[in-house]
Amino acid sequence: MNPNAAPAIVYARVSTDDQDTLRQDRMLTEYCEREGLHILTRLEDPDTSGSIPFCDREGGGQLMTIVTEAHRERLALGPVHEDAPPLLHIVTTEHDRVGRDLIDTVGTIRAFWMAHALPHFTAEGGPFARTPVNELILGTRASTAQFERDIIRQRIRSKMKGKRQAGELCGTIPFGWDALTTAERTAKGVVVRKLVDNPIEQRWLREMARLRAEGRSYHFIAKVLNEVGVRPKRAGQVINGRIASEHWQPGNVANVLSSAYSRQFLTANRAVA
């Protein structure tokens, strides 16, 4: 390994338990080898929506801390000229791995630039230095990513609304409920499963919402749940040949609190209280 190779951090993110970061990590490793970058560390955010602010994610928060500390240490030695080589290289596959929220994504990448860290998007041309053209590209891509996210959400909400109103299970069993198979079948012959309350999980759902209302991060809430031994809904299940983690990730917490089932339950619960 070349001791003079530029230092790099690789970052991967996937949105659901049904995906994994192995493919992204392999692509990022090959890119760094090809570009002569030395990988200092690998960070990832599995099962994490792109709508979650970058710094609220476990891997994203760690990455930003490393970038900030490196910049602070370099400034202690004197001013950094704008033409100086990057202190760090941040390598990921695409802009939308950073996020699918316009403001957060643009702010995060600009924070990299301000800290003299150079982002690389391996599937979008590689190095992404701060230039007027790249500022325009950044805004366009971030806007497109947010638009795609919003369209997907709209379609899913429209389809699932009727099922939820009928008390039917939509997709995986949500945290806070269990599912019972009924004798009913849809027009296509699919067995209908009805949701029933899980009081213990709903108690923790209320606690998660309380902590979030106090301003606690998803990372903090996940840590609390793990410390007291609360298991994620799909813990230990085999999903696409992999066993789902026994531990909460910030993305799990965000997904639970943002689900339509949880929002409806928490709204009704507050109304009763």
C-alpha atoms as a PDB file:
ATOM      1  CA  MET A   1       0.000   0.000   0.000  1.00  0.00           C
ATOM      2  CA  ASN A   2       1.316   3.453  -0.915  1.00  0.00           C
ATOM      3  CA  PRO A   3       2.058   5.332   2.351  1.00  0.00           C
ATOM      4  CA  ASN A   4       1.563   8.614   0.486  1.00  0.00           C
ATOM      5  CA  ALA A   5      -1.899   7.701  -0.784  1.00  0.00           C
ATOM      6  CA  ALA A   6      -4.617  10.242  -0.007  1.00  0.00           C
ATOM      7  CA  PRO A   7      -6.796   9.278   3.002  1.00  0.00           C
ATOM      8  CA  ALA A   8     -10.404   8.328   2.295  1.00  0.00           C
ATOM      9  CA  ILE A   9     -13.591   7.400   4.147  1.00  0.00           C
ATOM     10  CA  VAL A  10     -16.073   5.188   2.341  1.00  0.00           C
ATOM     11  CA  TYR A  11     -19.758   5.513   3.174  1.00  0.00           C
ATOM     12  CA  ALA A  12     -22.685   3.264   2.243  1.00  0.00           C
ATOM     13  CA  ARG A  13     -26.408   3.534   2.976  1.00  0.00           C
ATOM     14  CA  VAL A  14     -29.407   1.336   2.189  1.00  0.00           C
ATOM     15  CA  SER A  15     -33.033   2.048   2.977  1.00  0.00           C
ATOM     16  CA  THR A  16     -34.440  -1.294   4.135  1.00  0.00           C
ATOM     17  CA  ASP A  17     -33.616  -4.580   5.843  1.00  0.00           C
ATOM     18  CA  ASP A  18     -34.136  -6.267   2.460  1.00  0.00           C
ATOM     19  CA  GLN A  19     -30.985  -4.603   1.133  1.00  0.00           C
ATOM     20  CA  ASP A  20     -27.383  -4.769   2.263  1.00  0.00           C
ATOM     21  CA  THR A  21     -24.318  -2.598   1.823  1.00  0.00           C
ATOM     22  CA  LEU A  22     -21.999  -5.337   0.492  1.00  0.00           C
ATOM     23  CA  ARG A  23     -22.435  -4.375  -3.160  1.00  0.00           C
ATOM     24  CA  GLN A  24     -21.832  -0.701  -2.438  1.00  0.00           C
ATOM     25  CA  ASP A  25     -18.792  -1.493  -0.304  1.00  0.00           C
ATOM     26  CA  ARG A  26     -17.272  -3.625  -3.063  1.00  0.00           C
ATOM     27  CA  MET A  27     -17.748  -0.844  -5.617  1.00  0.00           C
ATOM     28  CA  LEU A  28     -16.261   1.748  -3.273  1.00  0.00           C
ATOM     29  CA  THR A  29     -13.233  -0.424  -2.488  1.00  0.00           C
ATOM     30  CA  GLU A  30     -12.520  -0.996  -6.168  1.00  0.00           C
ATOM     31  CA  TYR A  31     -12.842   2.730  -6.846  1.00  0.00           C
ATOM     32  CA  CYS A  32     -10.380   3.650  -4.080  1.00  0.00           C
ATOM     33  CA  GLU A  33      -7.861   1.111  -5.331  1.00  0.00           C
ATOM     34  CA  ARG A  34      -8.188   2.452  -8.852  1.00  0.00           C
ATOM     35  CA  GLU A  35      -7.857   6.091  -7.760  1.00  0.00           C
ATOM     36  CA  GLY A  36      -4.975   5.474  -5.350  1.00  0.00           C
ATOM     37  CA  LEU A  37      -6.939   6.350  -2.204  1.00  0.00           C
ATOM     38  CA  HIS A  38      -6.101   4.812   1.173  1.00  0.00           C
ATOM     39  CA  ILE A  39      -9.258   3.810   3.086  1.00  0.00           C
ATOM     40  CA  LEU A  40      -9.036   5.028   6.682  1.00  0.00           C
ATOM     41  CA  THR A  41     -12.411   3.681   7.733  1.00  0.00           C
ATOM     42  CA  ARG A  42     -15.676   2.303   6.383  1.00  0.00           C
ATOM     43  CA  LEU A  43     -18.963   3.680   7.653  1.00  0.00           C
ATOM     44  CA  GLU A  44     -22.474   2.574   6.804  1.00  0.00           C
ATOM     45  CA  ASP A  45     -26.096   3.193   7.682  1.00  0.00           C
ATOM     46  CA  PRO A  46     -28.145   0.035   7.059  1.00  0.00           C
ATOM     47  CA  ASP A  47     -31.936   0.212   6.997  1.00  0.00           C
ATOM     48  CA  THR A  48     -31.807   4.014   6.972  1.00  0.00           C
ATOM     49  CA  SER A  49     -34.064   6.274   4.928  1.00  0.00           C
ATOM     50  CA  GLY A  50     -32.440   9.035   2.916  1.00  0.00           C
ATOM     51  CA  SER A  51     -34.932  11.451   4.486  1.00  0.00           C
ATOM     52  CA  ILE A  52     -33.166  11.164   7.854  1.00  0.00           C
ATOM     53  CA  PRO A  53     -30.722  14.068   8.346  1.00  0.00           C
ATOM     54  CA  PHE A  54     -27.158  12.958   7.650  1.00  0.00           C
ATOM     55  CA  CYS A  55     -25.828  13.861  11.095  1.00  0.00           C
ATOM     56  CA  ASP A  56     -28.713  12.039  12.836  1.00  0.00           C
ATOM     57  CA  ARG A  57     -27.585   8.721  11.362  1.00  0.00           C
ATOM     58  CA  GLU A  58     -25.017   6.621  13.208  1.00  0.00           C
ATOM     59  CA  GLY A  59     -22.579   6.316  10.300  1.00  0.00           C
ATOM     60  CA  GLY A  60     -23.302   9.792   8.971  1.00  0.00           C
ATOM     61  CA  GLY A  61     -22.741  11.374  12.367  1.00  0.00           C
ATOM     62  CA  GLN A  62     -19.435   9.546  12.797  1.00  0.00           C
ATOM     63  CA  LEU A  63     -18.306  10.626   9.337  1.00  0.00           C
ATOM     64  CA  MET A  64     -19.091  14.278   9.988  1.00  0.00           C
ATOM     65  CA  THR A  65     -17.265  14.128  13.320  1.00  0.00           C
ATOM     66  CA  ILE A  66     -14.130  12.752  11.635  1.00  0.00           C
ATOM     67  CA  VAL A  67     -14.264  15.426   8.928  1.00  0.00           C
ATOM     68  CA  THR A  68     -14.797  18.228  11.473  1.00  0.00           C
ATOM     69  CA  GLU A  69     -11.977  17.062  13.743  1.00  0.00           C
ATOM     70  CA  ALA A  70      -9.539  16.689  10.842  1.00  0.00           C
ATOM     71  CA  HIS A  71     -10.350  20.202   9.679  1.00  0.00           C
ATOM     72  CA  ARG A  72      -9.960  21.635  13.191  1.00  0.00           C
ATOM     73  CA  GLU A  73      -6.573  19.965  13.640  1.00  0.00           C
ATOM     74  CA  ARG A  74      -5.381  21.294  10.278  1.00  0.00           C
ATOM     75  CA  LEU A  75      -6.526  24.854  11.074  1.00  0.00           C
ATOM     76  CA  ALA A  76      -4.483  24.732  14.291  1.00  0.00           C
ATOM     77  CA  LEU A  77      -1.395  24.644  12.074  1.00  0.00           C
ATOM     78  CA  GLY A  78      -2.425  27.750  10.147  1.00  0.00           C
ATOM     79  CA  PRO A  79      -4.809  28.841   7.373  1.00  0.00           C
ATOM     80  CA  VAL A  80      -5.620  26.317   4.650  1.00  0.00           C
ATOM     81  CA  HIS A  81      -5.291  27.667   1.124  1.00  0.00           C
ATOM     82  CA  GLU A  82      -8.304  26.976  -1.087  1.00  0.00           C
ATOM     83  CA  ASP A  83      -6.020  25.287  -3.648  1.00  0.00           C
ATOM     84  CA  ALA A  84      -4.472  22.952  -1.063  1.00  0.00           C
ATOM     85  CA  PRO A  85      -5.023  19.185  -1.550  1.00  0.00           C
ATOM     86  CA  PRO A  86      -8.100  17.805   0.248  1.00  0.00           C
ATOM     87  CA  LEU A  87      -7.587  16.748   3.838  1.00  0.00           C
ATOM     88  CA  LEU A  88      -9.936  13.813   3.312  1.00  0.00           C
ATOM     89  CA  HIS A  89     -11.796  12.125   0.479  1.00  0.00           C
ATOM     90  CA  ILE A  90     -15.408  11.047   1.123  1.00  0.00           C
ATOM     91  CA  VAL A  91     -16.318   8.187  -1.212  1.00  0.00           C
ATOM     92  CA  THR A  92     -19.873   6.976  -1.813  1.00  0.00           C
ATOM     93  CA  THR A  93     -21.806   5.790  -4.844  1.00  0.00           C
ATOM     94  CA  GLU A  94     -24.325   8.567  -5.570  1.00  0.00           C
ATOM     95  CA  HIS A  95     -25.618  11.865  -4.236  1.00  0.00           C
ATOM     96  CA  ASP A  96     -28.754  10.205  -2.892  1.00  0.00           C
ATOM     97  CA  ARG A  97     -26.662   8.042  -0.546  1.00  0.00           C
ATOM     98  CA  VAL A  98     -25.953  11.268   1.316  1.00  0.00           C
ATOM     99  CA  GLY A  99     -29.676  11.951   1.425  1.00  0.00           C
ATOM    100  CA  ARG A 100     -32.997  12.486  -0.301  1.00  0.00           C
ATOM    101  CA  ASP A 101     -33.848  15.736   1.425  1.00  0.00           C
ATOM    102  CA  LEU A 102     -32.854  18.759  -0.640  1.00  0.00           C
ATOM    103  CA  ILE A 103     -31.775  21.102   2.150  1.00  0.00           C
ATOM    104  CA  ASP A 104     -29.946  18.474   4.204  1.00  0.00           C
ATOM    105  CA  THR A 105     -28.105  16.981   1.221  1.00  0.00           C
ATOM    106  CA  VAL A 106     -26.916  20.327  -0.121  1.00  0.00           C
ATOM    107  CA  GLY A 107     -25.914  21.450   3.378  1.00  0.00           C
ATOM    108  CA  THR A 108     -23.978  18.241   4.052  1.00  0.00           C
ATOM    109  CA  ILE A 109     -21.974  18.333   0.837  1.00  0.00           C
ATOM    110  CA  ARG A 110     -21.219  22.024   1.304  1.00  0.00           C
ATOM    111  CA  ALA A 111     -20.017  21.210   4.829  1.00  0.00           C
ATOM    112  CA  PHE A 112     -17.598  18.684   3.277  1.00  0.00           C
ATOM    113  CA  TRP A 113     -16.302  21.332   0.917  1.00  0.00           C
ATOM    114  CA  MET A 114     -15.907  23.920   3.696  1.00  0.00           C
ATOM    115  CA  ALA A 115     -13.864  21.392   5.713  1.00  0.00           C
ATOM    116  CA  HIS A 116     -11.589  20.753   2.688  1.00  0.00           C
ATOM    117  CA  ALA A 117     -12.989  17.245   2.243  1.00  0.00           C
ATOM    118  CA  LEU A 118     -13.584  16.159  -1.349  1.00  0.00           C
ATOM    119  CA  PRO A 119     -16.695  14.033  -2.008  1.00  0.00           C
ATOM    120  CA  HIS A 120     -16.527  11.336  -4.688  1.00  0.00           C
ATOM    121  CA  PHE A 121     -19.646   9.809  -6.262  1.00  0.00           C
ATOM    122  CA  THR A 122     -18.411   6.672  -7.988  1.00  0.00           C
ATOM    123  CA  ALA A 123     -21.526   6.137 -10.137  1.00  0.00           C
ATOM    124  CA  GLU A 124     -21.756   9.794 -11.129  1.00  0.00           C
ATOM    125  CA  GLY A 125     -18.307  10.630 -12.446  1.00  0.00           C
ATOM    126  CA  GLY A 126     -16.055  10.453  -9.388  1.00  0.00           C
ATOM    127  CA  PRO A 127     -14.547  13.550  -7.708  1.00  0.00           C
ATOM    128  CA  PHE A 128     -17.033  16.327  -7.049  1.00  0.00           C
ATOM    129  CA  ALA A 129     -15.113  19.523  -6.320  1.00  0.00           C
ATOM    130  CA  ARG A 130     -16.790  22.816  -5.470  1.00  0.00           C
ATOM    131  CA  THR A 131     -17.295  24.746  -8.696  1.00  0.00           C
ATOM    132  CA  PRO A 132     -20.190  26.871  -9.983  1.00  0.00           C
ATOM    133  CA  VAL A 133     -21.178  24.046 -12.349  1.00  0.00           C
ATOM    134  CA  ASN A 134     -21.096  21.434  -9.587  1.00  0.00           C
ATOM    135  CA  GLU A 135     -23.155  23.703  -7.312  1.00  0.00           C
ATOM    136  CA  LEU A 136     -25.804  23.717 -10.038  1.00  0.00           C
ATOM    137  CA  ILE A 137     -25.540  19.933 -10.513  1.00  0.00           C
ATOM    138  CA  LEU A 138     -25.777  19.404  -6.757  1.00  0.00           C
ATOM    139  CA  GLY A 139     -29.002  21.370  -6.490  1.00  0.00           C
ATOM    140  CA  THR A 140     -30.507  19.585  -9.489  1.00  0.00           C
ATOM    141  CA  ARG A 141     -29.631  16.098  -8.286  1.00  0.00           C
ATOM    142  CA  ALA A 142     -30.729  16.769  -4.720  1.00  0.00           C
ATOM    143  CA  SER A 143     -34.051  18.171  -5.964  1.00  0.00           C
ATOM    144  CA  THR A 144     -34.571  15.118  -8.186  1.00  0.00           C
ATOM    145  CA  ALA A 145     -33.792  12.714  -5.320  1.00  0.00           C
ATOM    146  CA  GLN A 146     -36.317  14.456  -3.073  1.00  0.00           C
ATOM    147  CA  PHE A 147     -38.924  14.472  -5.857  1.00  0.00           C
ATOM    148  CA  GLU A 148     -38.478  10.725  -6.439  1.00  0.00           C
ATOM    149  CA  ARG A 149     -38.789  10.056  -2.723  1.00  0.00           C
ATOM    150  CA  ASP A 150     -41.994  12.093  -2.489  1.00  0.00           C
ATOM    151  CA  ILE A 151     -43.582  10.379  -5.521  1.00  0.00           C
ATOM    152  CA  ILE A 152     -42.803   6.930  -4.106  1.00  0.00           C
ATOM    153  CA  ARG A 153     -44.311   7.905  -0.766  1.00  0.00           C
ATOM    154  CA  GLN A 154     -47.459   9.267  -2.396  1.00  0.00           C
ATOM    155  CA  ARG A 155     -48.069   6.063  -4.343  1.00  0.00           C
ATOM    156  CA  ILE A 156     -47.526   3.858  -1.308  1.00  0.00           C
ATOM    157  CA  ARG A 157     -49.780   5.976   0.907  1.00  0.00           C
ATOM    158  CA  SER A 158     -52.606   5.898  -1.609  1.00  0.00           C
ATOM    159  CA  LYS A 159     -52.440   2.115  -1.914  1.00  0.00           C
ATOM    160  CA  MET A 160     -52.139   1.353   1.773  1.00  0.00           C
ATOM    161  CA  LYS A 161     -54.652   3.818   3.139  1.00  0.00           C
ATOM    162  CA  GLY A 162     -57.652   1.627   2.426  1.00  0.00           C
ATOM    163  CA  LYS A 163     -56.008  -1.449   3.935  1.00  0.00           C
ATOM    164  CA  ARG A 164     -55.093   0.328   7.143  1.00  0.00           C
ATOM    165  CA  GLN A 165     -58.615   1.670   7.512  1.00  0.00           C
ATOM    166  CA  ALA A 166     -59.853  -1.916   7.318  1.00  0.00           C
ATOM    167  CA  GLY A 167     -57.349  -2.991   9.979  1.00  0.00           C
ATOM    168  CA  GLU A 168     -55.484  -5.169   7.507  1.00  0.00           C
ATOM    169  CA  LEU A 169     -51.772  -5.830   7.579  1.00  0.00           C
ATOM    170  CA  CYS A 170     -49.871  -3.852   4.955  1.00  0.00           C
ATOM    171  CA  GLY A 171     -46.435  -5.304   4.317  1.00  0.00           C
ATOM    172  CA  THR A 172     -44.455  -6.332   7.372  1.00  0.00           C
ATOM    173  CA  ILE A 173     -45.961  -6.393  10.861  1.00  0.00           C
ATOM    174  CA  PRO A 174     -45.406  -2.948  12.414  1.00  0.00           C
ATOM    175  CA  PHE A 175     -43.786  -2.478  15.806  1.00  0.00           C
ATOM    176  CA  GLY A 176     -46.618  -2.156  18.310  1.00  0.00           C
ATOM    177  CA  TRP A 177     -48.882  -4.793  16.787  1.00  0.00           C
ATOM    178  CA  ASP A 178     -49.155  -8.493  16.024  1.00  0.00           C
ATOM    179  CA  ALA A 179     -51.013 -10.098  13.122  1.00  0.00           C
ATOM    180  CA  LEU A 180     -53.679 -12.788  13.123  1.00  0.00           C
ATOM    181  CA  THR A 181     -54.590 -14.761  10.017  1.00  0.00           C
ATOM    182  CA  THR A 182     -58.309 -14.666   9.258  1.00  0.00           C
ATOM    183  CA  ALA A 183     -60.525 -16.805   7.068  1.00  0.00           C
ATOM    184  CA  GLU A 184     -60.919 -13.914   4.646  1.00  0.00           C
ATOM    185  CA  ARG A 185     -59.248 -13.743   1.258  1.00  0.00           C
ATOM    186  CA  THR A 186     -58.842 -10.965  -1.258  1.00  0.00           C
ATOM    187  CA  ALA A 187     -60.159 -11.142  -4.805  1.00  0.00           C
ATOM    188  CA  LYS A 188     -56.792 -12.564  -5.822  1.00  0.00           C
ATOM    189  CA  GLY A 189     -56.987 -15.292  -3.197  1.00  0.00           C
ATOM    190  CA  VAL A 190     -54.473 -13.701  -0.821  1.00  0.00           C
ATOM    191  CA  VAL A 191     -55.084 -14.484   2.856  1.00  0.00           C
ATOM    192  CA  VAL A 192     -56.041 -11.411   4.891  1.00  0.00           C
ATOM    193  CA  ARG A 193     -54.195 -10.771   8.144  1.00  0.00           C
ATOM    194  CA  LYS A 194     -55.697  -8.492  10.773  1.00  0.00           C
ATOM    195  CA  LEU A 195     -53.623  -6.424  13.197  1.00  0.00           C
ATOM    196  CA  VAL A 196     -54.063  -6.702  16.971  1.00  0.00           C
ATOM    197  CA  ASP A 197     -52.472  -4.517  19.642  1.00  0.00           C
ATOM    198  CA  ASN A 198     -49.204  -5.519  21.323  1.00  0.00           C
ATOM    199  CA  PRO A 199     -49.422  -3.568  24.634  1.00  0.00           C
ATOM    200  CA  ILE A 200     -45.747  -3.970  25.578  1.00  0.00           C
ATOM    201  CA  GLU A 201     -44.473  -2.728  22.239  1.00  0.00           C
ATOM    202  CA  GLN A 202     -47.008   0.113  22.232  1.00  0.00           C
ATOM    203  CA  ARG A 203     -45.694   1.225  25.619  1.00  0.00           C
ATOM    204  CA  TRP A 204     -42.215   1.463  24.120  1.00  0.00           C
ATOM    205  CA  LEU A 205     -43.637   3.197  21.071  1.00  0.00           C
ATOM    206  CA  ARG A 206     -45.000   5.918  23.342  1.00  0.00           C
ATOM    207  CA  GLU A 207     -41.624   6.148  25.098  1.00  0.00           C
ATOM    208  CA  MET A 208     -39.801   6.502  21.754  1.00  0.00           C
ATOM    209  CA  ALA A 209     -42.176   9.311  20.793  1.00  0.00           C
ATOM    210  CA  ARG A 210     -41.651  11.012  24.169  1.00  0.00           C
ATOM    211  CA  LEU A 211     -37.865  10.938  23.804  1.00  0.00           C
ATOM    212  CA  ARG A 212     -38.106  12.270  20.278  1.00  0.00           C
ATOM    213  CA  ALA A 213     -40.395  15.092  21.436  1.00  0.00           C
ATOM    214  CA  GLU A 214     -37.720  16.020  23.983  1.00  0.00           C
ATOM    215  CA  GLY A 215     -35.288  16.517  21.105  1.00  0.00           C
ATOM    216  CA  ARG A 216     -33.398  13.233  21.437  1.00  0.00           C
ATOM    217  CA  SER A 217     -31.742  11.886  18.278  1.00  0.00           C
ATOM    218  CA  TYR A 218     -32.686   8.597  16.634  1.00  0.00           C
ATOM    219  CA  HIS A 219     -29.221   7.350  17.574  1.00  0.00           C
ATOM    220  CA  PHE A 220     -29.876   8.138  21.263  1.00  0.00           C
ATOM    221  CA  ILE A 221     -33.263   6.398  21.230  1.00  0.00           C
ATOM    222  CA  ALA A 222     -31.787   3.322  19.536  1.00  0.00           C
ATOM    223  CA  LYS A 223     -29.104   3.186  22.228  1.00  0.00           C
ATOM    224  CA  VAL A 224     -31.728   3.348  24.998  1.00  0.00           C
ATOM    225  CA  LEU A 225     -33.757   0.516  23.447  1.00  0.00           C
ATOM    226  CA  ASN A 226     -30.667  -1.657  23.039  1.00  0.00           C
ATOM    227  CA  GLU A 227     -29.536  -1.034  26.615  1.00  0.00           C
ATOM    228  CA  VAL A 228     -32.850  -2.163  28.103  1.00  0.00           C
ATOM    229  CA  GLY A 229     -33.127  -5.161  25.782  1.00  0.00           C
ATOM    230  CA  VAL A 230     -36.079  -4.154  23.618  1.00  0.00           C
ATOM    231  CA  ARG A 231     -35.941  -6.162  20.377  1.00  0.00           C
ATOM    232  CA  PRO A 232     -36.754  -4.787  16.923  1.00  0.00           C
ATOM    233  CA  LYS A 233     -39.855  -6.339  15.369  1.00  0.00           C
ATOM    234  CA  ARG A 234     -37.902  -8.409  12.822  1.00  0.00           C
ATOM    235  CA  ALA A 235     -34.999  -9.347  15.081  1.00  0.00           C
ATOM    236  CA  GLY A 236     -33.672 -12.828  14.354  1.00  0.00           C
ATOM    237  CA  GLN A 237     -35.793 -13.330  11.233  1.00  0.00           C
ATOM    238  CA  VAL A 238     -34.149 -14.565   8.058  1.00  0.00           C
ATOM    239  CA  ILE A 239     -34.538 -11.893   5.387  1.00  0.00           C
ATOM    240  CA  ASN A 240     -33.072 -12.560   1.949  1.00  0.00           C
ATOM    241  CA  GLY A 241     -30.733 -15.155   3.426  1.00  0.00           C
ATOM    242  CA  ARG A 242     -29.541 -12.878   6.235  1.00  0.00           C
ATOM    243  CA  ILE A 243     -30.535 -12.864   9.891  1.00  0.00           C
ATOM    244  CA  ALA A 244     -31.959  -9.490  10.886  1.00  0.00           C
ATOM    245  CA  SER A 245     -30.056  -7.711  13.635  1.00  0.00           C
ATOM    246  CA  GLU A 246     -31.040  -8.055  17.288  1.00  0.00           C
ATOM    247  CA  HIS A 247     -30.105  -4.404  17.802  1.00  0.00           C
ATOM    248  CA  TRP A 248     -31.864  -1.181  16.927  1.00  0.00           C
ATOM    249  CA  GLN A 249     -30.335   1.177  14.391  1.00  0.00           C
ATOM    250  CA  PRO A 250     -31.292   4.870  14.144  1.00  0.00           C
ATOM    251  CA  GLY A 251     -33.029   4.036  10.879  1.00  0.00           C
ATOM    252  CA  ASN A 252     -35.237   1.462  12.621  1.00  0.00           C
ATOM    253  CA  VAL A 253     -36.357   4.064  15.139  1.00  0.00           C
ATOM    254  CA  ALA A 254     -37.078   6.632  12.439  1.00  0.00           C
ATOM    255  CA  ASN A 255     -39.055   4.138  10.378  1.00  0.00           C
ATOM    256  CA  VAL A 256     -41.150   3.039  13.367  1.00  0.00           C
ATOM    257  CA  LEU A 257     -41.998   6.573  14.463  1.00  0.00           C
ATOM    258  CA  SER A 258     -42.779   7.738  10.932  1.00  0.00           C
ATOM    259  CA  SER A 259     -45.015   4.802   9.982  1.00  0.00           C
ATOM    260  CA  ALA A 260     -48.682   5.524   9.373  1.00  0.00           C
ATOM    261  CA  TYR A 261     -49.684   2.975  12.041  1.00  0.00           C
ATOM    262  CA  SER A 262     -47.513   4.680  14.662  1.00  0.00           C
ATOM    263  CA  ARG A 263     -48.618   8.191  13.751  1.00  0.00           C
ATOM    264  CA  GLN A 264     -52.280   7.215  13.943  1.00  0.00           C
ATOM    265  CA  PHE A 265     -51.773   5.423  17.269  1.00  0.00           C
ATOM    266  CA  LEU A 266     -49.734   8.236  18.834  1.00  0.00           C
ATOM    267  CA  THR A 267     -52.207  10.882  17.711  1.00  0.00           C
ATOM    268  CA  ALA A 268     -55.102   8.942  19.232  1.00  0.00           C
ATOM    269  CA  ASN A 269     -53.084   8.274  22.373  1.00  0.00           C
ATOM    270  CA  ARG A 270     -52.335  11.961  22.862  1.00  0.00           C
ATOM    271  CA  ALA A 271     -55.989  12.770  22.272  1.00  0.00           C
ATOM    272  CA  VAL A 272     -57.023  10.359  25.035  1.00  0.00           C
ATOM    273  CA  ALA A 273     -54.358  11.716  27.383  1.00  0.00           C
END
